[in-house]
């Protein structure tokens, strides 16, 4: 059960991460109010790193900002390391 909640949370956060990159890109094109960069990083950090990283390249948004080009993949690597750690400690033992 715990893994269902965990992976559902990650799925929702990554959908949100992908969507906010698209929304911010659309707002940028239309010269409208923008989503703060700190909010984009926050969504990435709390679980949406894959979605925001994919959204960066799908929408070609923030790809010229070095702190996004380096920061988003680093957060993703951190998340992968946490998941590997949790697997190694048996957190998902009842998954298989």
PDB file of N, CA and C in Angstrom:
ATOM      1  N   UNK A   1       0.817  -1.207   0.000  1.00  0.00           N
ATOM      2  CA  UNK A   1       0.000   0.000   0.000  1.00  0.00           C
ATOM      3  C   UNK A   1       0.855   1.263   0.000  1.00  0.00           C
ATOM      4  N   UNK A   2       1.937   1.249   0.801  1.00  0.00           N
ATOM      5  CA  UNK A   2       2.761   2.446   0.902  1.00  0.00           C
ATOM      6  C   UNK A   2       3.385   2.819  -0.435  1.00  0.00           C
ATOM      7  N   UNK A   3       3.735   1.825  -1.248  1.00  0.00           N
ATOM      8  CA  UNK A   3       4.324   2.147  -2.543  1.00  0.00           C
ATOM      9  C   UNK A   3       3.286   2.731  -3.504  1.00  0.00           C
ATOM     10  N   UNK A   4       2.021   2.341  -3.373  1.00  0.00           N
ATOM     11  CA  UNK A   4       0.974   2.913  -4.226  1.00  0.00           C
ATOM     12  C   UNK A   4       0.848   4.409  -3.941  1.00  0.00           C
ATOM     13  N   UNK A   5       0.842   4.774  -2.679  1.00  0.00           N
ATOM     14  CA  UNK A   5       0.769   6.189  -2.300  1.00  0.00           C
ATOM     15  C   UNK A   5       2.009   6.924  -2.794  1.00  0.00           C
ATOM     16  N   UNK A   6       3.175   6.328  -2.591  1.00  0.00           N
ATOM     17  CA  UNK A   6       4.447   6.941  -2.992  1.00  0.00           C
ATOM     18  C   UNK A   6       4.487   7.201  -4.497  1.00  0.00           C
ATOM     19  N   UNK A   7       4.203   6.177  -5.294  1.00  0.00           N
ATOM     20  CA  UNK A   7       4.273   6.332  -6.744  1.00  0.00           C
ATOM     21  C   UNK A   7       3.125   7.180  -7.293  1.00  0.00           C
ATOM     22  N   UNK A   8       1.976   7.176  -6.646  1.00  0.00           N
ATOM     23  CA  UNK A   8       0.875   8.053  -7.053  1.00  0.00           C
ATOM     24  C   UNK A   8       1.263   9.515  -6.831  1.00  0.00           C
ATOM     25  N   UNK A   9       1.884   9.766  -5.679  1.00  0.00           N
ATOM     26  CA  UNK A   9       2.358  11.117  -5.381  1.00  0.00           C
ATOM     27  C   UNK A   9       3.361  11.578  -6.434  1.00  0.00           C
ATOM     28  N   UNK A  10       4.327  10.715  -6.755  1.00  0.00           N
ATOM     29  CA  UNK A  10       5.324  11.072  -7.766  1.00  0.00           C
ATOM     30  C   UNK A  10       4.676  11.317  -9.129  1.00  0.00           C
ATOM     31  N   UNK A  11       3.710  10.495  -9.489  1.00  0.00           N
ATOM     32  CA  UNK A  11       3.029  10.668 -10.772  1.00  0.00           C
ATOM     33  C   UNK A  11       2.319  12.017 -10.833  1.00  0.00           C
ATOM     34  N   UNK A  12       1.597  12.357  -9.789  1.00  0.00           N
ATOM     35  CA  UNK A  12       0.873  13.638  -9.748  1.00  0.00           C
ATOM     36  C   UNK A  12       1.855  14.803  -9.803  1.00  0.00           C
ATOM     37  N   UNK A  13       2.926  14.737  -9.025  1.00  0.00           N
ATOM     38  CA  UNK A  13       3.899  15.835  -8.998  1.00  0.00           C
ATOM     39  C   UNK A  13       4.581  16.005 -10.353  1.00  0.00           C
ATOM     40  N   UNK A  14       4.845  14.910 -11.045  1.00  0.00           N
ATOM     41  CA  UNK A  14       5.488  15.011 -12.353  1.00  0.00           C
ATOM     42  C   UNK A  14       4.535  15.537 -13.418  1.00  0.00           C
ATOM     43  N   UNK A  15       3.277  15.196 -13.319  1.00  0.00           N
ATOM     44  CA  UNK A  15       2.282  15.780 -14.232  1.00  0.00           C
ATOM     45  C   UNK A  15       2.187  17.279 -13.993  1.00  0.00           C
ATOM     46  N   UNK A  16       2.157  17.680 -12.730  1.00  0.00           N
ATOM     47  CA  UNK A  16       2.124  19.106 -12.388  1.00  0.00           C
ATOM     48  C   UNK A  16       3.391  19.795 -12.899  1.00  0.00           C
ATOM     49  N   UNK A  17       4.545  19.171 -12.681  1.00  0.00           N
ATOM     50  CA  UNK A  17       5.810  19.748 -13.147  1.00  0.00           C
ATOM     51  C   UNK A  17       5.833  19.957 -14.645  1.00  0.00           C
ATOM     52  N   UNK A  18       5.380  18.963 -15.387  1.00  0.00           N
ATOM     53  CA  UNK A  18       5.330  19.083 -16.846  1.00  0.00           C
ATOM     54  C   UNK A  18       4.366  20.195 -17.251  1.00  0.00           C
ATOM     55  N   UNK A  19       3.208  20.207 -16.618  1.00  0.00           N
ATOM     56  CA  UNK A  19       2.177  21.192 -16.967  1.00  0.00           C
ATOM     57  C   UNK A  19       2.620  22.618 -16.672  1.00  0.00           C
ATOM     58  N   UNK A  20       3.263  22.850 -15.529  1.00  0.00           N
ATOM     59  CA  UNK A  20       3.641  24.233 -15.211  1.00  0.00           C
ATOM     60  C   UNK A  20       4.727  24.757 -16.145  1.00  0.00           C
ATOM     61  N   UNK A  21       5.551  23.872 -16.670  1.00  0.00           N
ATOM     62  CA  UNK A  21       6.534  24.332 -17.653  1.00  0.00           C
ATOM     63  C   UNK A  21       5.820  24.778 -18.933  1.00  0.00           C
ATOM     64  N   UNK A  22       4.805  24.029 -19.338  1.00  0.00           N
ATOM     65  CA  UNK A  22       4.034  24.415 -20.515  1.00  0.00           C
ATOM     66  C   UNK A  22       3.239  25.685 -20.286  1.00  0.00           C
ATOM     67  N   UNK A  23       2.642  25.801 -19.107  1.00  0.00           N
ATOM     68  CA  UNK A  23       1.857  26.993 -18.778  1.00  0.00           C
ATOM     69  C   UNK A  23       2.754  28.227 -18.746  1.00  0.00           C
ATOM     70  N   UNK A  24       3.927  28.091 -18.113  1.00  0.00           N
ATOM     71  CA  UNK A  24       4.831  29.241 -18.031  1.00  0.00           C
ATOM     72  C   UNK A  24       5.352  29.642 -19.407  1.00  0.00           C
ATOM     73  N   UNK A  25       5.612  28.675 -20.262  1.00  0.00           N
ATOM     74  CA  UNK A  25       6.059  28.979 -21.623  1.00  0.00           C
ATOM     75  C   UNK A  25       4.975  29.738 -22.382  1.00  0.00           C
ATOM     76  N   UNK A  26       3.727  29.289 -22.245  1.00  0.00           N
ATOM     77  CA  UNK A  26       2.623  29.968 -22.932  1.00  0.00           C
ATOM     78  C   UNK A  26       2.476  31.393 -22.423  1.00  0.00           C
ATOM     79  N   UNK A  27       2.596  31.579 -21.100  1.00  0.00           N
ATOM     80  CA  UNK A  27       2.500  32.916 -20.526  1.00  0.00           C
ATOM     81  C   UNK A  27       3.654  33.787 -21.003  1.00  0.00           C
ATOM     82  N   UNK A  28       4.838  33.212 -21.152  1.00  0.00           N
ATOM     83  CA  UNK A  28       5.995  33.969 -21.630  1.00  0.00           C
ATOM     84  C   UNK A  28       5.768  34.460 -23.059  1.00  0.00           C
ATOM     85  N   UNK A  29       5.208  33.594 -23.893  1.00  0.00           N
ATOM     86  CA  UNK A  29       4.931  33.985 -25.283  1.00  0.00           C
ATOM     87  C   UNK A  29       3.897  35.098 -25.372  1.00  0.00           C
ATOM     88  N   UNK A  30       2.938  35.100 -24.440  1.00  0.00           N
ATOM     89  CA  UNK A  30       1.851  36.075 -24.463  1.00  0.00           C
ATOM     90  C   UNK A  30       2.109  37.284 -23.564  1.00  0.00           C
ATOM     91  N   UNK A  31       3.328  37.412 -23.049  1.00  0.00           N
ATOM     92  CA  UNK A  31       3.700  38.527 -22.159  1.00  0.00           C
ATOM     93  C   UNK A  31       2.735  38.682 -20.996  1.00  0.00           C
ATOM     94  N   UNK A  32       2.398  37.587 -20.357  1.00  0.00           N
ATOM     95  CA  UNK A  32       1.498  37.600 -19.204  1.00  0.00           C
ATOM     96  C   UNK A  32       2.267  37.278 -17.930  1.00  0.00           C
ATOM     97  N   UNK A  33       1.537  37.335 -16.804  1.00  0.00           N
ATOM     98  CA  UNK A  33       2.105  37.009 -15.505  1.00  0.00           C
ATOM     99  C   UNK A  33       2.739  35.629 -15.564  1.00  0.00           C
ATOM    100  N   UNK A  34       3.936  35.509 -14.978  1.00  0.00           N
ATOM    101  CA  UNK A  34       4.712  34.276 -15.068  1.00  0.00           C
ATOM    102  C   UNK A  34       4.760  33.532 -13.748  1.00  0.00           C
ATOM    103  N   UNK A  35       5.062  32.261 -13.825  1.00  0.00           N
ATOM    104  CA  UNK A  35       5.292  31.436 -12.644  1.00  0.00           C
ATOM    105  C   UNK A  35       6.724  31.703 -12.184  1.00  0.00           C
ATOM    106  N   UNK A  36       6.909  31.931 -10.888  1.00  0.00           N
ATOM    107  CA  UNK A  36       8.237  32.224 -10.357  1.00  0.00           C
ATOM    108  C   UNK A  36       9.165  31.033 -10.590  1.00  0.00           C
ATOM    109  N   UNK A  37      10.420  31.337 -10.886  1.00  0.00           N
ATOM    110  CA  UNK A  37      11.409  30.275 -11.062  1.00  0.00           C
ATOM    111  C   UNK A  37      11.563  29.451  -9.787  1.00  0.00           C
ATOM    112  N   UNK A  38      11.428  30.109  -8.643  1.00  0.00           N
ATOM    113  CA  UNK A  38      11.531  29.373  -7.373  1.00  0.00           C
ATOM    114  C   UNK A  38      10.399  28.360  -7.252  1.00  0.00           C
ATOM    115  N   UNK A  39       9.229  28.677  -7.787  1.00  0.00           N
ATOM    116  CA  UNK A  39       8.106  27.735  -7.768  1.00  0.00           C
ATOM    117  C   UNK A  39       8.393  26.549  -8.682  1.00  0.00           C
ATOM    118  N   UNK A  40       8.989  26.811  -9.836  1.00  0.00           N
ATOM    119  CA  UNK A  40       9.343  25.723 -10.748  1.00  0.00           C
ATOM    120  C   UNK A  40      10.336  24.773 -10.079  1.00  0.00           C
ATOM    121  N   UNK A  41      11.318  25.344  -9.395  1.00  0.00           N
ATOM    122  CA  UNK A  41      12.285  24.503  -8.686  1.00  0.00           C
ATOM    123  C   UNK A  41      11.646  23.778  -7.505  1.00  0.00           C
ATOM    124  N   UNK A  42      10.736  24.434  -6.815  1.00  0.00           N
ATOM    125  CA  UNK A  42      10.069  23.795  -5.680  1.00  0.00           C
ATOM    126  C   UNK A  42       9.278  22.575  -6.129  1.00  0.00           C
ATOM    127  N   UNK A  43       8.506  22.722  -7.196  1.00  0.00           N
ATOM    128  CA  UNK A  43       7.736  21.586  -7.727  1.00  0.00           C
ATOM    129  C   UNK A  43       8.690  20.456  -8.109  1.00  0.00           C
ATOM    130  N   UNK A  44       9.797  20.809  -8.724  1.00  0.00           N
ATOM    131  CA  UNK A  44      10.789  19.800  -9.084  1.00  0.00           C
ATOM    132  C   UNK A  44      11.343  19.113  -7.846  1.00  0.00           C
ATOM    133  N   UNK A  45      11.704  19.892  -6.848  1.00  0.00           N
ATOM    134  CA  UNK A  45      12.347  19.348  -5.648  1.00  0.00           C
ATOM    135  C   UNK A  45      11.416  18.448  -4.840  1.00  0.00           C
ATOM    136  N   UNK A  46      10.132  18.771  -4.793  1.00  0.00           N
ATOM    137  CA  UNK A  46       9.219  17.965  -3.971  1.00  0.00           C
ATOM    138  C   UNK A  46       8.636  16.772  -4.726  1.00  0.00           C
ATOM    139  N   UNK A  47       9.241  16.424  -5.848  1.00  0.00           N
ATOM    140  CA  UNK A  47       8.854  15.185  -6.510  1.00  0.00           C
ATOM    141  C   UNK A  47       8.580  15.278  -7.989  1.00  0.00           C
ATOM    142  N   UNK A  48       8.566  16.482  -8.547  1.00  0.00           N
ATOM    143  CA  UNK A  48       8.221  16.632  -9.956  1.00  0.00           C
ATOM    144  C   UNK A  48       9.405  16.834 -10.874  1.00  0.00           C
ATOM    145  N   UNK A  49      10.565  16.322 -10.492  1.00  0.00           N
ATOM    146  CA  UNK A  49      11.787  16.599 -11.249  1.00  0.00           C
ATOM    147  C   UNK A  49      11.759  16.037 -12.675  1.00  0.00           C
ATOM    148  N   UNK A  50      11.266  14.841 -12.843  1.00  0.00           N
ATOM    149  CA  UNK A  50      11.208  14.265 -14.194  1.00  0.00           C
ATOM    150  C   UNK A  50      10.246  15.065 -15.072  1.00  0.00           C
ATOM    151  N   UNK A  51       9.106  15.421 -14.529  1.00  0.00           N
ATOM    152  CA  UNK A  51       8.121  16.190 -15.299  1.00  0.00           C
ATOM    153  C   UNK A  51       8.621  17.573 -15.691  1.00  0.00           C
ATOM    154  N   UNK A  52       9.263  18.277 -14.759  1.00  0.00           N
ATOM    155  CA  UNK A  52       9.768  19.608 -15.095  1.00  0.00           C
ATOM    156  C   UNK A  52      10.915  19.508 -16.087  1.00  0.00           C
ATOM    157  N   UNK A  53      11.768  18.505 -15.920  1.00  0.00           N
ATOM    158  CA  UNK A  53      12.884  18.330 -16.847  1.00  0.00           C
ATOM    159  C   UNK A  53      12.372  17.998 -18.257  1.00  0.00           C
ATOM    160  N   UNK A  54      11.408  17.082 -18.341  1.00  0.00           N
ATOM    161  CA  UNK A  54      10.821  16.761 -19.650  1.00  0.00           C
ATOM    162  C   UNK A  54      10.091  17.967 -20.240  1.00  0.00           C
ATOM    163  N   UNK A  55       9.397  18.716 -19.381  1.00  0.00           N
ATOM    164  CA  UNK A  55       8.691  19.917 -19.835  1.00  0.00           C
ATOM    165  C   UNK A  55       9.627  20.984 -20.369  1.00  0.00           C
ATOM    166  N   UNK A  56      10.802  21.089 -19.770  1.00  0.00           N
ATOM    167  CA  UNK A  56      11.799  22.047 -20.259  1.00  0.00           C
ATOM    168  C   UNK A  56      12.082  21.819 -21.736  1.00  0.00           C
ATOM    169  N   UNK A  57      12.281  20.574 -22.089  1.00  0.00           N
ATOM    170  CA  UNK A  57      12.672  20.265 -23.458  1.00  0.00           C
ATOM    171  C   UNK A  57      11.482  20.096 -24.394  1.00  0.00           C
ATOM    172  N   UNK A  58      10.361  19.631 -23.872  1.00  0.00           N
ATOM    173  CA  UNK A  58       9.167  19.497 -24.711  1.00  0.00           C
ATOM    174  C   UNK A  58       8.666  20.875 -25.159  1.00  0.00           C
ATOM    175  N   UNK A  59       8.749  21.851 -24.247  1.00  0.00           N
ATOM    176  CA  UNK A  59       8.261  23.198 -24.554  1.00  0.00           C
ATOM    177  C   UNK A  59       9.391  24.171 -24.886  1.00  0.00           C
ATOM    178  N   UNK A  60      10.630  23.672 -24.890  1.00  0.00           N
ATOM    179  CA  UNK A  60      11.818  24.505 -25.110  1.00  0.00           C
ATOM    180  C   UNK A  60      11.778  25.737 -24.218  1.00  0.00           C
ATOM    181  N   UNK A  61      11.632  25.462 -22.936  1.00  0.00           N
ATOM    182  CA  UNK A  61      11.456  26.528 -21.949  1.00  0.00           C
ATOM    183  C   UNK A  61      12.553  26.445 -20.902  1.00  0.00           C
ATOM    184  N   UNK A  62      13.221  27.552 -20.667  1.00  0.00           N
ATOM    185  CA  UNK A  62      14.297  27.683 -19.674  1.00  0.00           C
ATOM    186  C   UNK A  62      15.539  26.890 -20.065  1.00  0.00           C
ATOM    187  N   UNK A  63      15.660  26.511 -21.318  1.00  0.00           N
ATOM    188  CA  UNK A  63      16.808  25.705 -21.746  1.00  0.00           C
ATOM    189  C   UNK A  63      18.067  26.544 -21.949  1.00  0.00           C
ATOM    190  N   UNK A  64      17.957  27.856 -21.888  1.00  0.00           N
ATOM    191  CA  UNK A  64      19.139  28.724 -21.997  1.00  0.00           C
ATOM    192  C   UNK A  64      19.612  29.200 -20.626  1.00  0.00           C
ATOM    193  N   UNK A  65      18.892  28.816 -19.588  1.00  0.00           N
ATOM    194  CA  UNK A  65      19.257  29.188 -18.221  1.00  0.00           C
ATOM    195  C   UNK A  65      20.086  28.049 -17.635  1.00  0.00           C
ATOM    196  N   UNK A  66      21.362  28.310 -17.408  1.00  0.00           N
ATOM    197  CA  UNK A  66      22.277  27.259 -16.974  1.00  0.00           C
ATOM    198  C   UNK A  66      21.842  26.626 -15.654  1.00  0.00           C
ATOM    199  N   UNK A  67      21.241  27.418 -14.763  1.00  0.00           N
ATOM    200  CA  UNK A  67      20.818  26.855 -13.485  1.00  0.00           C
ATOM    201  C   UNK A  67      19.637  25.906 -13.655  1.00  0.00           C
ATOM    202  N   UNK A  68      18.878  26.033 -14.722  1.00  0.00           N
ATOM    203  CA  UNK A  68      17.824  25.050 -15.015  1.00  0.00           C
ATOM    204  C   UNK A  68      18.422  23.838 -15.726  1.00  0.00           C
ATOM    205  N   UNK A  69      19.304  24.086 -16.676  1.00  0.00           N
ATOM    206  CA  UNK A  69      19.909  23.001 -17.452  1.00  0.00           C
ATOM    207  C   UNK A  69      20.711  22.068 -16.544  1.00  0.00           C
ATOM    208  N   UNK A  70      21.343  22.618 -15.514  1.00  0.00           N
ATOM    209  CA  UNK A  70      22.108  21.800 -14.576  1.00  0.00           C
ATOM    210  C   UNK A  70      21.250  21.393 -13.372  1.00  0.00           C
ATOM    211  N   UNK A  71      20.459  22.323 -12.857  1.00  0.00           N
ATOM    212  CA  UNK A  71      19.698  22.094 -11.632  1.00  0.00           C
ATOM    213  C   UNK A  71      18.629  21.030 -11.740  1.00  0.00           C
ATOM    214  N   UNK A  72      17.854  21.052 -12.798  1.00  0.00           N
ATOM    215  CA  UNK A  72      16.767  20.068 -12.932  1.00  0.00           C
ATOM    216  C   UNK A  72      17.294  18.637 -13.026  1.00  0.00           C
ATOM    217  N   UNK A  73      18.314  18.369 -13.854  1.00  0.00           N
ATOM    218  CA  UNK A  73      18.841  16.996 -13.868  1.00  0.00           C
ATOM    219  C   UNK A  73      19.470  16.583 -12.528  1.00  0.00           C
ATOM    220  N   UNK A  74      20.084  17.532 -11.825  1.00  0.00           N
ATOM    221  CA  UNK A  74      20.661  17.200 -10.516  1.00  0.00           C
ATOM    222  C   UNK A  74      19.583  16.799  -9.516  1.00  0.00           C
ATOM    223  N   UNK A  75      18.483  17.498  -9.540  1.00  0.00           N
ATOM    224  CA  UNK A  75      17.370  17.144  -8.654  1.00  0.00           C
ATOM    225  C   UNK A  75      16.825  15.768  -9.041  1.00  0.00           C
ATOM    226  N   UNK A  76      16.730  15.500 -10.334  1.00  0.00           N
ATOM    227  CA  UNK A  76      16.270  14.194 -10.809  1.00  0.00           C
ATOM    228  C   UNK A  76      17.213  13.087 -10.338  1.00  0.00           C
ATOM    229  N   UNK A  77      18.505  13.312 -10.433  1.00  0.00           N
ATOM    230  CA  UNK A  77      19.483  12.324  -9.965  1.00  0.00           C
ATOM    231  C   UNK A  77      19.321  12.097  -8.461  1.00  0.00           C
ATOM    232  N   UNK A  78      19.093  13.162  -7.721  1.00  0.00           N
ATOM    233  CA  UNK A  78      18.853  13.039  -6.280  1.00  0.00           C
ATOM    234  C   UNK A  78      17.629  12.168  -6.010  1.00  0.00           C
ATOM    235  N   UNK A  79      16.553  12.390  -6.763  1.00  0.00           N
ATOM    236  CA  UNK A  79      15.341  11.592  -6.587  1.00  0.00           C
ATOM    237  C   UNK A  79      15.579  10.122  -6.930  1.00  0.00           C
ATOM    238  N   UNK A  80      16.324   9.884  -7.984  1.00  0.00           N
ATOM    239  CA  UNK A  80      16.644   8.496  -8.352  1.00  0.00           C
ATOM    240  C   UNK A  80      17.461   7.841  -7.243  1.00  0.00           C
ATOM    241  N   UNK A  81      18.419   8.579  -6.685  1.00  0.00           N
ATOM    242  CA  UNK A  81      19.237   8.046  -5.593  1.00  0.00           C
ATOM    243  C   UNK A  81      18.378   7.707  -4.375  1.00  0.00           C
ATOM    244  N   UNK A  82      17.403   8.548  -4.074  1.00  0.00           N
ATOM    245  CA  UNK A  82      16.503   8.281  -2.939  1.00  0.00           C
ATOM    246  C   UNK A  82      15.685   7.018  -3.198  1.00  0.00           C
ATOM    247  N   UNK A  83      15.173   6.867  -4.403  1.00  0.00           N
ATOM    248  CA  UNK A  83      14.379   5.677  -4.731  1.00  0.00           C
ATOM    249  C   UNK A  83      15.246   4.417  -4.652  1.00  0.00           C
ATOM    250  N   UNK A  84      16.462   4.489  -5.168  1.00  0.00           N
ATOM    251  CA  UNK A  84      17.384   3.344  -5.082  1.00  0.00           C
ATOM    252  C   UNK A  84      17.673   3.018  -3.617  1.00  0.00           C
ATOM    253  N   UNK A  85      17.891   4.041  -2.813  1.00  0.00           N
ATOM    254  CA  UNK A  85      18.130   3.833  -1.387  1.00  0.00           C
ATOM    255  C   UNK A  85      16.932   3.156  -0.724  1.00  0.00           C
ATOM    256  N   UNK A  86      15.736   3.651  -1.035  1.00  0.00           N
ATOM    257  CA  UNK A  86      14.533   3.053  -0.442  1.00  0.00           C
ATOM    258  C   UNK A  86      14.373   1.597  -0.854  1.00  0.00           C
ATOM    259  N   UNK A  87      14.666   1.289  -2.126  1.00  0.00           N
ATOM    260  CA  UNK A  87      14.622  -0.106  -2.576  1.00  0.00           C
ATOM    261  C   UNK A  87      15.635  -0.945  -1.809  1.00  0.00           C
ATOM    262  N   UNK A  88      16.834  -0.408  -1.621  1.00  0.00           N
ATOM    263  CA  UNK A  88      17.883  -1.172  -0.940  1.00  0.00           C
ATOM    264  C   UNK A  88      17.558  -1.430   0.535  1.00  0.00           C
ATOM    265  N   UNK A  89      16.744  -0.568   1.121  1.00  0.00           N
ATOM    266  CA  UNK A  89      16.360  -0.730   2.529  1.00  0.00           C
ATOM    267  C   UNK A  89      15.053  -1.499   2.694  1.00  0.00           C
ATOM    268  N   UNK A  90      14.514  -1.994   1.586  1.00  0.00           N
ATOM    269  CA  UNK A  90      13.320  -2.825   1.663  1.00  0.00           C
ATOM    270  C   UNK A  90      12.010  -2.067   1.753  1.00  0.00           C
ATOM    271  N   UNK A  91      12.031  -0.779   1.464  1.00  0.00           N
ATOM    272  CA  UNK A  91      10.803   0.013   1.537  1.00  0.00           C
ATOM    273  C   UNK A  91       9.732  -0.534   0.596  1.00  0.00           C
ATOM    274  N   UNK A  92      10.161  -1.051  -0.551  1.00  0.00           N
ATOM    275  CA  UNK A  92       9.220  -1.589  -1.540  1.00  0.00           C
ATOM    276  C   UNK A  92       9.233  -3.112  -1.562  1.00  0.00           C
ATOM    277  N   UNK A  93       9.583  -3.737  -0.449  1.00  0.00           N
ATOM    278  CA  UNK A  93       9.718  -5.202  -0.398  1.00  0.00           C
ATOM    279  C   UNK A  93       8.434  -5.917  -0.793  1.00  0.00           C
ATOM    280  N   UNK A  94       7.293  -5.378  -0.425  1.00  0.00           N
ATOM    281  CA  UNK A  94       6.031  -6.035  -0.753  1.00  0.00           C
ATOM    282  C   UNK A  94       5.555  -5.727  -2.170  1.00  0.00           C
ATOM    283  N   UNK A  95       6.353  -4.987  -2.927  1.00  0.00           N
ATOM    284  CA  UNK A  95       5.998  -4.647  -4.302  1.00  0.00           C
ATOM    285  C   UNK A  95       6.132  -5.871  -5.218  1.00  0.00           C
ATOM    286  N   UNK A  96       7.085  -6.731  -4.929  1.00  0.00           N
ATOM    287  CA  UNK A  96       7.341  -7.880  -5.816  1.00  0.00           C
ATOM    288  C   UNK A  96       6.934  -9.120  -5.122  1.00  0.00           C
TER     289      UNK A  96
END
